[in-house]
Amino acid sequence: GLENLAQAVILRVLTPRGELAALGHPEYGSRVHELIGRENTKTQRNLLKLFILDALKLEPRIEKVAELTVAPSPGTKSTVDVLLRVKPVGATEVVTIGPFAIELAV
């Protein structure tokens, strides 16, 4: 269902790419972990968007990413809020995922 899709997308984004290679899924995950510890700048947020889009290209249940917003979380310098709107394969409606937070700086 749609709740399962939202959970699967968040897990894919937060799992380091290659972490499941031993289980036969070498392309599963994303490169988001490479940004942990970096300063929360516009450049890093744009790179985060790129890494998320790259990961979602491999999600077979998503036909299209309609919107991806990465913005600084209010009240903190180290965290960003991610909001996704995706069109599942075979669906007519867009599904909203998030916002969920990713902490960049430590």
N, C-alpha and C. Protein backbone atom coordinates (compact mmCIF):
# COMPACT_ATOMS: atom_id res chain seq x y z
N GLY A 1 0.81 -1.18 0.00
CA GLY A 1 0.00 0.00 0.00
C GLY A 1 0.86 1.25 0.00
N LEU A 2 0.20 2.38 0.10
CA LEU A 2 0.89 3.66 0.03
C LEU A 2 1.75 3.92 1.26
N GLU A 3 1.29 3.48 2.44
CA GLU A 3 2.12 3.64 3.65
C GLU A 3 3.40 2.82 3.52
N ASN A 4 3.28 1.64 2.95
CA ASN A 4 4.45 0.79 2.73
C ASN A 4 5.42 1.46 1.78
N LEU A 5 4.91 2.10 0.74
CA LEU A 5 5.77 2.80 -0.21
C LEU A 5 6.52 3.92 0.49
N ALA A 6 5.84 4.70 1.31
CA ALA A 6 6.50 5.80 2.02
C ALA A 6 7.62 5.26 2.90
N GLN A 7 7.34 4.20 3.64
CA GLN A 7 8.37 3.61 4.51
C GLN A 7 9.54 3.08 3.68
N ALA A 8 9.25 2.42 2.57
CA ALA A 8 10.30 1.86 1.71
C ALA A 8 11.19 2.95 1.12
N VAL A 9 10.58 4.07 0.75
CA VAL A 9 11.34 5.17 0.18
C VAL A 9 12.28 5.76 1.23
N ILE A 10 11.78 6.00 2.43
CA ILE A 10 12.62 6.56 3.49
C ILE A 10 13.76 5.62 3.83
N LEU A 11 13.48 4.32 3.90
CA LEU A 11 14.54 3.35 4.19
C LEU A 11 15.59 3.33 3.08
N ARG A 12 15.14 3.41 1.83
CA ARG A 12 16.10 3.41 0.71
C ARG A 12 17.00 4.64 0.80
N VAL A 13 16.42 5.80 1.10
CA VAL A 13 17.19 7.04 1.18
C VAL A 13 18.19 7.01 2.33
N LEU A 14 17.80 6.44 3.46
CA LEU A 14 18.65 6.46 4.65
C LEU A 14 19.65 5.31 4.73
N THR A 15 19.51 4.31 3.85
CA THR A 15 20.43 3.17 3.84
C THR A 15 21.62 3.49 2.93
N PRO A 16 22.84 3.34 3.44
CA PRO A 16 24.01 3.57 2.58
C PRO A 16 24.02 2.61 1.39
N ARG A 17 24.25 3.15 0.20
CA ARG A 17 24.32 2.32 -1.01
C ARG A 17 25.39 1.26 -0.83
N GLY A 18 25.06 0.04 -1.18
CA GLY A 18 25.99 -1.08 -1.10
C GLY A 18 25.91 -1.85 0.20
N GLU A 19 25.20 -1.32 1.19
CA GLU A 19 25.12 -1.99 2.48
C GLU A 19 24.44 -3.35 2.39
N LEU A 20 23.57 -3.54 1.42
CA LEU A 20 22.88 -4.82 1.26
C LEU A 20 23.47 -5.66 0.12
N ALA A 21 24.68 -5.36 -0.28
CA ALA A 21 25.32 -6.11 -1.38
C ALA A 21 25.45 -7.59 -1.05
N ALA A 22 25.78 -7.91 0.18
CA ALA A 22 25.94 -9.32 0.57
C ALA A 22 24.63 -10.09 0.47
N LEU A 23 23.52 -9.38 0.47
CA LEU A 23 22.21 -10.01 0.34
C LEU A 23 21.70 -10.00 -1.10
N GLY A 24 22.55 -9.58 -2.03
CA GLY A 24 22.18 -9.58 -3.44
C GLY A 24 21.58 -8.29 -3.95
N HIS A 25 21.72 -7.21 -3.18
CA HIS A 25 21.15 -5.93 -3.58
C HIS A 25 22.22 -4.84 -3.55
N PRO A 26 23.22 -4.91 -4.44
CA PRO A 26 24.33 -3.96 -4.38
C PRO A 26 23.96 -2.51 -4.69
N GLU A 27 22.88 -2.28 -5.41
CA GLU A 27 22.49 -0.93 -5.80
C GLU A 27 21.47 -0.32 -4.84
N TYR A 28 21.02 -1.10 -3.85
CA TYR A 28 20.02 -0.59 -2.92
C TYR A 28 20.63 0.48 -2.02
N GLY A 29 19.86 1.52 -1.73
CA GLY A 29 20.31 2.57 -0.83
C GLY A 29 20.64 3.85 -1.58
N SER A 30 21.32 4.75 -0.88
CA SER A 30 21.68 6.03 -1.46
C SER A 30 23.06 6.46 -0.97
N ARG A 31 23.50 7.57 -1.49
CA ARG A 31 24.80 8.13 -1.09
C ARG A 31 24.63 9.24 -0.05
N VAL A 32 23.45 9.37 0.51
CA VAL A 32 23.16 10.41 1.49
C VAL A 32 24.15 10.38 2.65
N HIS A 33 24.54 9.19 3.07
CA HIS A 33 25.47 9.06 4.21
C HIS A 33 26.79 9.80 3.98
N GLU A 34 27.15 10.03 2.72
CA GLU A 34 28.40 10.73 2.42
C GLU A 34 28.35 12.20 2.86
N LEU A 35 27.16 12.71 3.11
CA LEU A 35 27.00 14.12 3.49
C LEU A 35 26.97 14.32 5.01
N ILE A 36 26.91 13.26 5.76
CA ILE A 36 26.88 13.37 7.21
C ILE A 36 28.19 13.98 7.69
N GLY A 37 28.07 14.99 8.53
CA GLY A 37 29.25 15.68 9.05
C GLY A 37 29.62 16.92 8.25
N ARG A 38 28.94 17.15 7.15
CA ARG A 38 29.22 18.34 6.34
C ARG A 38 28.33 19.50 6.78
N GLU A 39 28.78 20.68 6.47
CA GLU A 39 28.03 21.88 6.81
C GLU A 39 26.73 21.93 6.01
N ASN A 40 25.69 22.44 6.63
CA ASN A 40 24.38 22.55 6.00
C ASN A 40 24.33 23.80 5.13
N THR A 41 24.83 23.68 3.91
CA THR A 41 24.85 24.80 2.97
C THR A 41 23.93 24.49 1.79
N LYS A 42 23.67 25.50 0.98
CA LYS A 42 22.84 25.29 -0.20
C LYS A 42 23.47 24.25 -1.13
N THR A 43 24.77 24.28 -1.26
CA THR A 43 25.48 23.31 -2.10
C THR A 43 25.26 21.89 -1.59
N GLN A 44 25.38 21.70 -0.28
CA GLN A 44 25.19 20.36 0.30
C GLN A 44 23.73 19.91 0.16
N ARG A 45 22.79 20.83 0.32
CA ARG A 45 21.37 20.48 0.15
C ARG A 45 21.08 20.10 -1.30
N ASN A 46 21.70 20.79 -2.26
CA ASN A 46 21.52 20.41 -3.67
C ASN A 46 22.13 19.04 -3.95
N LEU A 47 23.26 18.75 -3.35
CA LEU A 47 23.88 17.43 -3.49
C LEU A 47 22.99 16.37 -2.86
N LEU A 48 22.39 16.68 -1.74
CA LEU A 48 21.45 15.76 -1.09
C LEU A 48 20.28 15.46 -2.03
N LYS A 49 19.75 16.48 -2.68
CA LYS A 49 18.67 16.27 -3.65
C LYS A 49 19.11 15.31 -4.76
N LEU A 50 20.31 15.54 -5.28
CA LEU A 50 20.84 14.68 -6.34
C LEU A 50 20.95 13.24 -5.87
N PHE A 51 21.47 13.03 -4.66
CA PHE A 51 21.63 11.67 -4.13
C PHE A 51 20.27 11.00 -3.93
N ILE A 52 19.27 11.76 -3.48
CA ILE A 52 17.93 11.20 -3.29
C ILE A 52 17.31 10.82 -4.63
N LEU A 53 17.40 11.72 -5.60
CA LEU A 53 16.85 11.42 -6.93
C LEU A 53 17.52 10.21 -7.55
N ASP A 54 18.82 10.10 -7.38
CA ASP A 54 19.58 8.96 -7.90
C ASP A 54 19.08 7.66 -7.28
N ALA A 55 18.84 7.67 -5.98
CA ALA A 55 18.36 6.47 -5.30
C ALA A 55 16.95 6.10 -5.75
N LEU A 56 16.11 7.10 -5.95
CA LEU A 56 14.72 6.82 -6.30
C LEU A 56 14.55 6.36 -7.74
N LYS A 57 15.55 6.61 -8.60
CA LYS A 57 15.50 6.07 -9.96
C LYS A 57 15.43 4.55 -9.93
N LEU A 58 15.99 3.94 -8.89
CA LEU A 58 16.05 2.49 -8.78
C LEU A 58 14.88 1.89 -8.01
N GLU A 59 13.95 2.72 -7.56
CA GLU A 59 12.78 2.22 -6.83
C GLU A 59 11.72 1.82 -7.85
N PRO A 60 11.46 0.51 -8.01
CA PRO A 60 10.56 0.05 -9.07
C PRO A 60 9.10 0.46 -8.89
N ARG A 61 8.72 0.88 -7.71
CA ARG A 61 7.32 1.25 -7.47
C ARG A 61 7.04 2.73 -7.76
N ILE A 62 8.08 3.48 -8.12
CA ILE A 62 7.89 4.91 -8.40
C ILE A 62 8.03 5.16 -9.89
N GLU A 63 7.00 5.76 -10.46
CA GLU A 63 7.03 6.13 -11.88
C GLU A 63 7.72 7.47 -12.07
N LYS A 64 7.45 8.41 -11.14
CA LYS A 64 7.97 9.76 -11.32
C LYS A 64 8.06 10.47 -9.97
N VAL A 65 9.13 11.25 -9.80
CA VAL A 65 9.24 12.14 -8.65
C VAL A 65 8.67 13.48 -9.09
N ALA A 66 7.54 13.84 -8.51
CA ALA A 66 6.86 15.08 -8.90
C ALA A 66 7.45 16.29 -8.19
N GLU A 67 7.95 16.09 -6.98
CA GLU A 67 8.51 17.20 -6.21
C GLU A 67 9.50 16.66 -5.18
N LEU A 68 10.58 17.38 -5.01
CA LEU A 68 11.56 17.07 -3.96
C LEU A 68 12.02 18.39 -3.38
N THR A 69 11.74 18.59 -2.10
CA THR A 69 12.14 19.80 -1.41
C THR A 69 13.08 19.43 -0.28
N VAL A 70 14.22 20.09 -0.22
CA VAL A 70 15.17 19.93 0.88
C VAL A 70 15.41 21.33 1.43
N ALA A 71 15.03 21.54 2.69
CA ALA A 71 15.13 22.87 3.29
C ALA A 71 15.70 22.76 4.70
N PRO A 72 16.41 23.79 5.14
CA PRO A 72 16.91 23.77 6.52
C PRO A 72 15.74 23.62 7.50
N SER A 73 15.93 22.79 8.51
CA SER A 73 14.90 22.63 9.54
C SER A 73 14.87 23.88 10.42
N PRO A 74 13.70 24.35 10.75
CA PRO A 74 13.61 25.53 11.61
C PRO A 74 14.25 25.27 12.98
N GLY A 75 15.02 26.23 13.46
CA GLY A 75 15.58 26.14 14.80
C GLY A 75 16.85 25.32 14.94
N THR A 76 17.40 24.82 13.84
CA THR A 76 18.64 24.04 13.91
C THR A 76 19.50 24.34 12.70
N LYS A 77 20.79 24.29 12.87
CA LYS A 77 21.71 24.54 11.76
C LYS A 77 22.15 23.25 11.08
N SER A 78 21.95 22.11 11.74
CA SER A 78 22.53 20.87 11.23
C SER A 78 21.55 19.95 10.53
N THR A 79 20.25 20.24 10.62
CA THR A 79 19.24 19.32 10.11
C THR A 79 18.49 19.93 8.93
N VAL A 80 18.11 19.06 7.99
CA VAL A 80 17.28 19.48 6.86
C VAL A 80 15.99 18.67 6.87
N ASP A 81 14.94 19.26 6.35
CA ASP A 81 13.67 18.58 6.18
C ASP A 81 13.51 18.21 4.70
N VAL A 82 13.13 16.97 4.47
CA VAL A 82 12.96 16.46 3.11
C VAL A 82 11.47 16.17 2.89
N LEU A 83 10.95 16.68 1.80
CA LEU A 83 9.56 16.43 1.42
C LEU A 83 9.55 15.92 -0.01
N LEU A 84 8.91 14.78 -0.19
CA LEU A 84 8.82 14.15 -1.51
C LEU A 84 7.36 14.02 -1.92
N ARG A 85 7.13 14.21 -3.20
CA ARG A 85 5.83 13.89 -3.79
C ARG A 85 6.14 13.01 -5.00
N VAL A 86 5.65 11.77 -4.94
CA VAL A 86 5.96 10.80 -5.99
C VAL A 86 4.68 10.23 -6.59
N LYS A 87 4.79 9.83 -7.84
CA LYS A 87 3.68 9.16 -8.52
C LYS A 87 4.03 7.68 -8.60
N PRO A 88 3.30 6.84 -7.84
CA PRO A 88 3.56 5.41 -7.92
C PRO A 88 3.19 4.84 -9.29
N VAL A 89 3.83 3.77 -9.66
CA VAL A 89 3.53 3.09 -10.92
C VAL A 89 2.06 2.66 -10.92
N GLY A 90 1.35 2.99 -11.98
CA GLY A 90 -0.04 2.59 -12.13
C GLY A 90 -1.04 3.42 -11.34
N ALA A 91 -0.58 4.41 -10.62
CA ALA A 91 -1.48 5.26 -9.82
C ALA A 91 -1.82 6.53 -10.59
N THR A 92 -2.92 7.13 -10.22
CA THR A 92 -3.30 8.40 -10.83
C THR A 92 -2.97 9.56 -9.91
N GLU A 93 -2.84 9.29 -8.62
CA GLU A 93 -2.58 10.34 -7.65
C GLU A 93 -1.13 10.34 -7.21
N VAL A 94 -0.69 11.51 -6.79
CA VAL A 94 0.66 11.68 -6.27
C VAL A 94 0.62 11.43 -4.76
N VAL A 95 1.64 10.77 -4.25
CA VAL A 95 1.74 10.46 -2.83
C VAL A 95 2.78 11.37 -2.19
N THR A 96 2.43 11.94 -1.04
CA THR A 96 3.35 12.79 -0.30
C THR A 96 4.08 11.95 0.74
N ILE A 97 5.40 12.07 0.78
CA ILE A 97 6.23 11.37 1.74
C ILE A 97 7.00 12.41 2.53
N GLY A 98 6.76 12.44 3.81
CA GLY A 98 7.45 13.39 4.67
C GLY A 98 6.54 14.52 5.08
N PRO A 99 7.15 15.54 5.64
CA PRO A 99 8.60 15.76 5.69
C PRO A 99 9.26 14.85 6.73
N PHE A 100 10.50 14.47 6.42
CA PHE A 100 11.32 13.72 7.37
C PHE A 100 12.67 14.43 7.44
N ALA A 101 13.32 14.29 8.59
CA ALA A 101 14.54 15.05 8.84
C ALA A 101 15.77 14.20 8.59
N ILE A 102 16.81 14.85 8.08
CA ILE A 102 18.13 14.24 7.93
C ILE A 102 19.12 15.20 8.57
N GLU A 103 19.91 14.67 9.50
CA GLU A 103 20.91 15.50 10.16
C GLU A 103 22.21 15.42 9.39
N LEU A 104 22.71 16.57 8.96
CA LEU A 104 23.96 16.63 8.21
C LEU A 104 25.15 16.80 9.14
N ALA A 105 25.22 17.92 9.79
CA ALA A 105 26.37 18.20 10.65
C ALA A 105 26.22 17.48 11.98
N VAL A 106 27.37 17.16 12.58
CA VAL A 106 27.34 16.49 13.88
C VAL A 106 27.54 17.47 15.00
